Amino acid sequence: MSINYASEIAFINRKLPNNKVKWETLIAKSEIISPPLSEVEAKTIVSALKDALSKKSLVVFHKMIFTVSSKLRGGTRVVISISILRDIFASEIDGDAGGGGKGYNPRTNQPKPPGRGV
C-alpha cells in the first residue's frame, strides 16, 4: 500500500469497523480500490458504506463508490473516487477522529468554551 491517501483509507476503514480491507491506491485515477473479492463481499462493503455515508452523499454516492469486475484476477473490486469523497467528507477526513471537547482547563472549576483566548 502506498503512503498516498492514507487519511482517506483510514476514514473508510473507520466507517467499516467489521471489515478489514487492504485497500490499494490508483494514484493516476485518484481512486482507492479493494483487492478482488467475491460479488457478495463487494456488495456487503458497498452496502455498509452506503449506510455510513449516504446521508451526506445521497445524490453522488453511486459515482463515489461503485464495483467493477476484475478481468485479470477475477472477482469484483470496490472502487472509491477520492475527489468526490474529499468534496463531501474533507472535514471528517482531515479532522481528528475524537470529538470536539468542551475546552476544559483542569485548573478551574468552570469550563470555558473553546476559542475565547487563554
N, C-alpha and C. Protein backbone atom coordinates (compact mmCIF):
# COMPACT_ATOMS: atom_id res chain seq x y z
N MET A 1 0.86 -1.19 0.00
CA MET A 1 0.00 0.00 0.00
C MET A 1 0.89 1.24 0.00
N SER A 2 0.53 2.17 -0.81
CA SER A 2 1.28 3.42 -0.88
C SER A 2 0.89 4.32 0.29
N ILE A 3 1.79 5.23 0.64
CA ILE A 3 1.51 6.16 1.73
C ILE A 3 0.46 7.19 1.30
N ASN A 4 0.29 7.38 0.00
CA ASN A 4 -0.71 8.32 -0.50
C ASN A 4 -2.11 7.86 -0.12
N TYR A 5 -2.94 8.81 0.16
CA TYR A 5 -4.34 8.57 0.53
C TYR A 5 -4.47 7.81 1.85
N ALA A 6 -3.49 7.90 2.71
CA ALA A 6 -3.55 7.20 3.99
C ALA A 6 -4.70 7.71 4.85
N SER A 7 -4.94 9.01 4.85
CA SER A 7 -6.03 9.55 5.67
C SER A 7 -7.39 9.15 5.10
N GLU A 8 -7.51 9.07 3.78
CA GLU A 8 -8.77 8.63 3.16
C GLU A 8 -9.04 7.16 3.47
N ILE A 9 -7.98 6.34 3.39
CA ILE A 9 -8.14 4.92 3.70
C ILE A 9 -8.50 4.73 5.17
N ALA A 10 -7.89 5.50 6.04
CA ALA A 10 -8.23 5.41 7.48
C ALA A 10 -9.68 5.82 7.70
N PHE A 11 -10.16 6.85 7.00
CA PHE A 11 -11.55 7.30 7.11
C PHE A 11 -12.50 6.17 6.68
N ILE A 12 -12.22 5.55 5.54
CA ILE A 12 -13.08 4.47 5.05
C ILE A 12 -13.05 3.29 6.02
N ASN A 13 -11.89 2.96 6.54
CA ASN A 13 -11.80 1.84 7.49
C ASN A 13 -12.55 2.13 8.79
N ARG A 14 -12.60 3.41 9.20
CA ARG A 14 -13.41 3.75 10.39
C ARG A 14 -14.89 3.54 10.11
N LYS A 15 -15.30 3.72 8.87
CA LYS A 15 -16.71 3.52 8.52
C LYS A 15 -17.05 2.05 8.33
N LEU A 16 -16.02 1.20 8.22
CA LEU A 16 -16.21 -0.25 8.06
C LEU A 16 -15.53 -0.98 9.21
N PRO A 17 -16.04 -0.85 10.43
CA PRO A 17 -15.33 -1.43 11.58
C PRO A 17 -15.26 -2.96 11.55
N ASN A 18 -16.20 -3.63 10.89
CA ASN A 18 -16.22 -5.09 10.89
C ASN A 18 -15.47 -5.69 9.71
N ASN A 19 -15.13 -4.89 8.71
CA ASN A 19 -14.45 -5.38 7.53
C ASN A 19 -13.02 -4.85 7.50
N LYS A 20 -12.07 -5.73 7.31
CA LYS A 20 -10.67 -5.33 7.20
C LYS A 20 -10.25 -5.50 5.75
N VAL A 21 -10.32 -4.42 4.98
CA VAL A 21 -9.98 -4.44 3.57
C VAL A 21 -8.60 -3.85 3.38
N LYS A 22 -7.75 -4.50 2.61
CA LYS A 22 -6.43 -3.96 2.30
C LYS A 22 -6.54 -3.16 1.01
N TRP A 23 -6.85 -1.89 1.15
CA TRP A 23 -7.07 -1.02 0.00
C TRP A 23 -5.77 -0.76 -0.75
N GLU A 24 -5.89 -0.66 -2.06
CA GLU A 24 -4.78 -0.31 -2.92
C GLU A 24 -5.07 1.07 -3.50
N THR A 25 -4.03 1.79 -3.90
CA THR A 25 -4.24 3.12 -4.46
C THR A 25 -3.99 3.12 -5.96
N LEU A 26 -4.81 3.87 -6.67
CA LEU A 26 -4.62 4.14 -8.08
C LEU A 26 -4.41 5.64 -8.20
N ILE A 27 -3.18 6.07 -8.06
CA ILE A 27 -2.87 7.50 -7.99
C ILE A 27 -3.27 8.22 -9.27
N ALA A 28 -3.04 7.59 -10.42
CA ALA A 28 -3.34 8.24 -11.70
C ALA A 28 -4.82 8.55 -11.86
N LYS A 29 -5.67 7.73 -11.26
CA LYS A 29 -7.12 7.94 -11.37
C LYS A 29 -7.72 8.55 -10.11
N SER A 30 -6.90 8.83 -9.10
CA SER A 30 -7.37 9.35 -7.81
C SER A 30 -8.46 8.44 -7.22
N GLU A 31 -8.13 7.17 -7.11
CA GLU A 31 -9.06 6.19 -6.57
C GLU A 31 -8.33 5.25 -5.61
N ILE A 32 -9.12 4.72 -4.68
CA ILE A 32 -8.63 3.58 -3.91
C ILE A 32 -9.52 2.41 -4.29
N ILE A 33 -8.92 1.22 -4.29
CA ILE A 33 -9.63 0.05 -4.79
C ILE A 33 -9.34 -1.15 -3.90
N SER A 34 -10.33 -1.98 -3.72
CA SER A 34 -10.17 -3.17 -2.89
C SER A 34 -9.47 -4.26 -3.72
N PRO A 35 -8.94 -5.26 -3.03
CA PRO A 35 -8.46 -6.43 -3.78
C PRO A 35 -9.66 -7.17 -4.36
N PRO A 36 -9.45 -8.10 -5.28
CA PRO A 36 -10.59 -8.86 -5.82
C PRO A 36 -11.33 -9.61 -4.70
N LEU A 37 -12.64 -9.44 -4.70
CA LEU A 37 -13.50 -10.06 -3.69
C LEU A 37 -14.60 -10.84 -4.40
N SER A 38 -15.30 -11.67 -3.66
CA SER A 38 -16.49 -12.28 -4.23
C SER A 38 -17.55 -11.19 -4.40
N GLU A 39 -18.49 -11.43 -5.27
CA GLU A 39 -19.53 -10.43 -5.52
C GLU A 39 -20.32 -10.13 -4.25
N VAL A 40 -20.56 -11.14 -3.44
CA VAL A 40 -21.30 -10.96 -2.19
C VAL A 40 -20.51 -10.07 -1.23
N GLU A 41 -19.20 -10.31 -1.09
CA GLU A 41 -18.36 -9.49 -0.21
C GLU A 41 -18.34 -8.03 -0.68
N ALA A 42 -18.21 -7.83 -1.99
CA ALA A 42 -18.17 -6.47 -2.53
C ALA A 42 -19.49 -5.75 -2.28
N LYS A 43 -20.59 -6.44 -2.48
CA LYS A 43 -21.90 -5.82 -2.24
C LYS A 43 -22.10 -5.52 -0.76
N THR A 44 -21.57 -6.36 0.11
CA THR A 44 -21.67 -6.12 1.55
C THR A 44 -20.90 -4.86 1.94
N ILE A 45 -19.71 -4.67 1.37
CA ILE A 45 -18.91 -3.48 1.66
C ILE A 45 -19.60 -2.23 1.14
N VAL A 46 -20.12 -2.28 -0.08
CA VAL A 46 -20.82 -1.12 -0.64
C VAL A 46 -22.05 -0.80 0.18
N SER A 47 -22.78 -1.83 0.61
CA SER A 47 -23.97 -1.61 1.43
C SER A 47 -23.61 -0.97 2.77
N ALA A 48 -22.54 -1.45 3.40
CA ALA A 48 -22.12 -0.87 4.68
C ALA A 48 -21.69 0.59 4.50
N LEU A 49 -20.97 0.88 3.43
CA LEU A 49 -20.56 2.27 3.16
C LEU A 49 -21.77 3.14 2.84
N LYS A 50 -22.74 2.58 2.15
CA LYS A 50 -23.96 3.34 1.85
C LYS A 50 -24.69 3.71 3.13
N ASP A 51 -24.76 2.76 4.06
CA ASP A 51 -25.40 3.05 5.35
C ASP A 51 -24.64 4.13 6.11
N ALA A 52 -23.31 4.08 6.05
CA ALA A 52 -22.49 5.01 6.83
C ALA A 52 -22.36 6.39 6.18
N LEU A 53 -22.41 6.47 4.85
CA LEU A 53 -22.09 7.72 4.17
C LEU A 53 -23.22 8.35 3.38
N SER A 54 -24.31 7.65 3.17
CA SER A 54 -25.30 8.15 2.21
C SER A 54 -26.09 9.37 2.69
N LYS A 55 -26.14 9.64 3.99
CA LYS A 55 -26.89 10.82 4.44
C LYS A 55 -26.30 12.10 3.86
N LYS A 56 -24.96 12.17 3.79
CA LYS A 56 -24.30 13.36 3.25
C LYS A 56 -24.10 13.28 1.75
N SER A 57 -24.07 12.08 1.19
CA SER A 57 -23.68 11.93 -0.21
C SER A 57 -24.72 11.20 -1.05
N LEU A 58 -25.98 11.32 -0.72
CA LEU A 58 -27.02 10.54 -1.36
C LEU A 58 -27.03 10.69 -2.88
N VAL A 59 -26.91 11.91 -3.38
CA VAL A 59 -27.02 12.15 -4.82
C VAL A 59 -25.84 11.57 -5.59
N VAL A 60 -24.63 11.66 -5.05
CA VAL A 60 -23.43 11.24 -5.78
C VAL A 60 -22.83 9.93 -5.26
N PHE A 61 -23.53 9.22 -4.40
CA PHE A 61 -22.96 8.02 -3.81
C PHE A 61 -22.51 7.01 -4.86
N HIS A 62 -23.34 6.77 -5.88
CA HIS A 62 -23.01 5.76 -6.88
C HIS A 62 -21.89 6.19 -7.82
N LYS A 63 -21.59 7.48 -7.86
CA LYS A 63 -20.41 7.94 -8.60
C LYS A 63 -19.17 7.87 -7.72
N MET A 64 -19.37 7.98 -6.42
CA MET A 64 -18.27 7.98 -5.47
C MET A 64 -17.79 6.56 -5.16
N ILE A 65 -18.73 5.63 -4.98
CA ILE A 65 -18.39 4.25 -4.61
C ILE A 65 -19.15 3.30 -5.54
N PHE A 66 -18.39 2.44 -6.22
CA PHE A 66 -19.01 1.51 -7.16
C PHE A 66 -18.16 0.25 -7.25
N THR A 67 -18.68 -0.76 -7.94
CA THR A 67 -17.94 -2.01 -8.12
C THR A 67 -17.59 -2.20 -9.59
N VAL A 68 -16.49 -2.91 -9.82
CA VAL A 68 -16.07 -3.27 -11.17
C VAL A 68 -15.61 -4.72 -11.15
N SER A 69 -15.74 -5.39 -12.30
CA SER A 69 -15.24 -6.75 -12.43
C SER A 69 -13.74 -6.71 -12.69
N SER A 70 -13.01 -7.55 -12.01
CA SER A 70 -11.57 -7.65 -12.21
C SER A 70 -11.31 -8.74 -13.24
N LYS A 71 -11.02 -8.34 -14.48
CA LYS A 71 -10.86 -9.32 -15.56
C LYS A 71 -9.54 -10.08 -15.44
N LEU A 72 -8.50 -9.43 -14.95
CA LEU A 72 -7.20 -10.09 -14.85
C LEU A 72 -7.14 -11.09 -13.70
N ARG A 73 -7.64 -10.70 -12.54
CA ARG A 73 -7.54 -11.55 -11.35
C ARG A 73 -8.84 -12.26 -11.02
N GLY A 74 -9.93 -11.90 -11.66
CA GLY A 74 -11.23 -12.46 -11.32
C GLY A 74 -11.81 -11.77 -10.10
N GLY A 75 -13.08 -11.93 -9.88
CA GLY A 75 -13.72 -11.32 -8.72
C GLY A 75 -14.24 -9.92 -9.00
N THR A 76 -14.69 -9.29 -7.96
CA THR A 76 -15.27 -7.95 -8.04
C THR A 76 -14.49 -7.04 -7.11
N ARG A 77 -14.22 -5.81 -7.57
CA ARG A 77 -13.48 -4.85 -6.75
C ARG A 77 -14.37 -3.66 -6.43
N VAL A 78 -14.20 -3.12 -5.22
CA VAL A 78 -14.90 -1.91 -4.80
C VAL A 78 -13.97 -0.74 -5.09
N VAL A 79 -14.50 0.27 -5.79
CA VAL A 79 -13.71 1.44 -6.18
C VAL A 79 -14.29 2.66 -5.47
N ILE A 80 -13.41 3.51 -4.92
CA ILE A 80 -13.84 4.74 -4.24
C ILE A 80 -13.12 5.91 -4.89
N SER A 81 -13.89 6.87 -5.38
CA SER A 81 -13.33 8.06 -6.00
C SER A 81 -12.90 9.04 -4.92
N ILE A 82 -11.60 9.33 -4.86
CA ILE A 82 -11.05 10.21 -3.82
C ILE A 82 -11.55 11.64 -3.99
N SER A 83 -11.63 12.13 -5.22
CA SER A 83 -12.04 13.53 -5.42
C SER A 83 -13.45 13.78 -4.91
N ILE A 84 -14.37 12.89 -5.19
CA ILE A 84 -15.76 13.06 -4.71
C ILE A 84 -15.82 12.85 -3.20
N LEU A 85 -15.10 11.85 -2.70
CA LEU A 85 -15.06 11.60 -1.26
C LEU A 85 -14.56 12.83 -0.51
N ARG A 86 -13.49 13.45 -1.01
CA ARG A 86 -12.93 14.65 -0.38
C ARG A 86 -13.87 15.85 -0.49
N ASP A 87 -14.59 15.98 -1.61
CA ASP A 87 -15.53 17.09 -1.77
C ASP A 87 -16.58 17.09 -0.66
N ILE A 88 -17.00 15.91 -0.26
CA ILE A 88 -18.10 15.80 0.70
C ILE A 88 -17.61 15.63 2.14
N PHE A 89 -16.55 14.86 2.35
CA PHE A 89 -16.13 14.48 3.69
C PHE A 89 -14.76 15.02 4.09
N ALA A 90 -14.28 16.08 3.46
CA ALA A 90 -12.93 16.60 3.74
C ALA A 90 -12.73 16.93 5.21
N SER A 91 -13.72 17.54 5.84
CA SER A 91 -13.56 17.93 7.24
C SER A 91 -13.44 16.70 8.15
N GLU A 92 -14.16 15.63 7.83
CA GLU A 92 -14.07 14.41 8.63
C GLU A 92 -12.78 13.65 8.36
N ILE A 93 -12.30 13.70 7.11
CA ILE A 93 -11.07 13.00 6.75
C ILE A 93 -9.87 13.68 7.40
N ASP A 94 -9.81 15.00 7.33
CA ASP A 94 -8.67 15.74 7.84
C ASP A 94 -8.74 16.00 9.33
N GLY A 95 -9.95 15.98 9.91
CA GLY A 95 -10.12 16.25 11.34
C GLY A 95 -9.73 15.06 12.17
N ASP A 96 -9.63 15.29 13.46
CA ASP A 96 -9.32 14.20 14.38
C ASP A 96 -10.51 13.27 14.48
N ALA A 97 -10.25 12.04 14.83
CA ALA A 97 -11.31 11.06 14.98
C ALA A 97 -12.11 11.31 16.26
N GLY A 98 -11.53 11.99 17.23
CA GLY A 98 -12.20 12.23 18.50
C GLY A 98 -13.20 13.35 18.41
N GLY A 99 -13.98 13.52 19.44
CA GLY A 99 -14.96 14.59 19.49
C GLY A 99 -14.32 15.93 19.75
N GLY A 100 -15.10 16.98 19.68
CA GLY A 100 -14.56 18.33 19.82
C GLY A 100 -14.14 18.68 21.22
N GLY A 101 -14.82 18.18 22.19
CA GLY A 101 -14.50 18.53 23.57
C GLY A 101 -15.08 19.88 23.96
N LYS A 102 -14.95 20.26 25.22
CA LYS A 102 -15.55 21.50 25.71
C LYS A 102 -14.52 22.52 26.16
N GLY A 103 -13.26 22.31 25.89
CA GLY A 103 -12.25 23.28 26.27
C GLY A 103 -12.04 23.37 27.77
N TYR A 104 -12.00 22.25 28.45
CA TYR A 104 -11.83 22.25 29.90
C TYR A 104 -10.40 22.61 30.29
N ASN A 105 -10.27 23.39 31.33
CA ASN A 105 -8.97 23.69 31.91
C ASN A 105 -8.95 22.99 33.26
N PRO A 106 -8.02 22.07 33.49
CA PRO A 106 -8.05 21.30 34.74
C PRO A 106 -7.81 22.15 35.98
N ARG A 107 -7.34 23.38 35.82
CA ARG A 107 -7.07 24.23 36.98
C ARG A 107 -8.25 25.11 37.37
N THR A 108 -9.34 25.03 36.66
CA THR A 108 -10.52 25.85 37.00
C THR A 108 -11.71 24.94 37.28
N ASN A 109 -12.73 25.53 37.91
CA ASN A 109 -13.94 24.77 38.21
C ASN A 109 -14.96 24.87 37.10
N GLN A 110 -14.92 25.94 36.32
CA GLN A 110 -15.91 26.12 35.27
C GLN A 110 -15.25 25.95 33.90
N PRO A 111 -15.91 25.20 33.01
CA PRO A 111 -15.35 25.03 31.68
C PRO A 111 -15.47 26.33 30.87
N LYS A 112 -14.52 26.56 30.00
CA LYS A 112 -14.54 27.71 29.12
C LYS A 112 -14.80 27.24 27.71
N PRO A 113 -15.68 27.89 26.97
CA PRO A 113 -15.89 27.48 25.58
C PRO A 113 -14.60 27.68 24.78
N PRO A 114 -14.34 26.79 23.82
CA PRO A 114 -13.12 26.94 23.04
C PRO A 114 -13.15 28.20 22.20
N GLY A 115 -11.97 28.76 21.94
CA GLY A 115 -11.87 29.92 21.06
C GLY A 115 -11.99 31.26 21.75
N ARG A 116 -11.90 31.30 23.06
CA ARG A 116 -12.05 32.58 23.78
C ARG A 116 -10.75 33.04 24.40
N GLY A 117 -9.65 32.68 23.80
CA GLY A 117 -8.38 33.13 24.36
C GLY A 117 -7.90 32.24 25.47
N VAL A 118 -6.85 32.68 26.13
CA VAL A 118 -6.23 31.87 27.17
C VAL A 118 -6.76 32.24 28.53
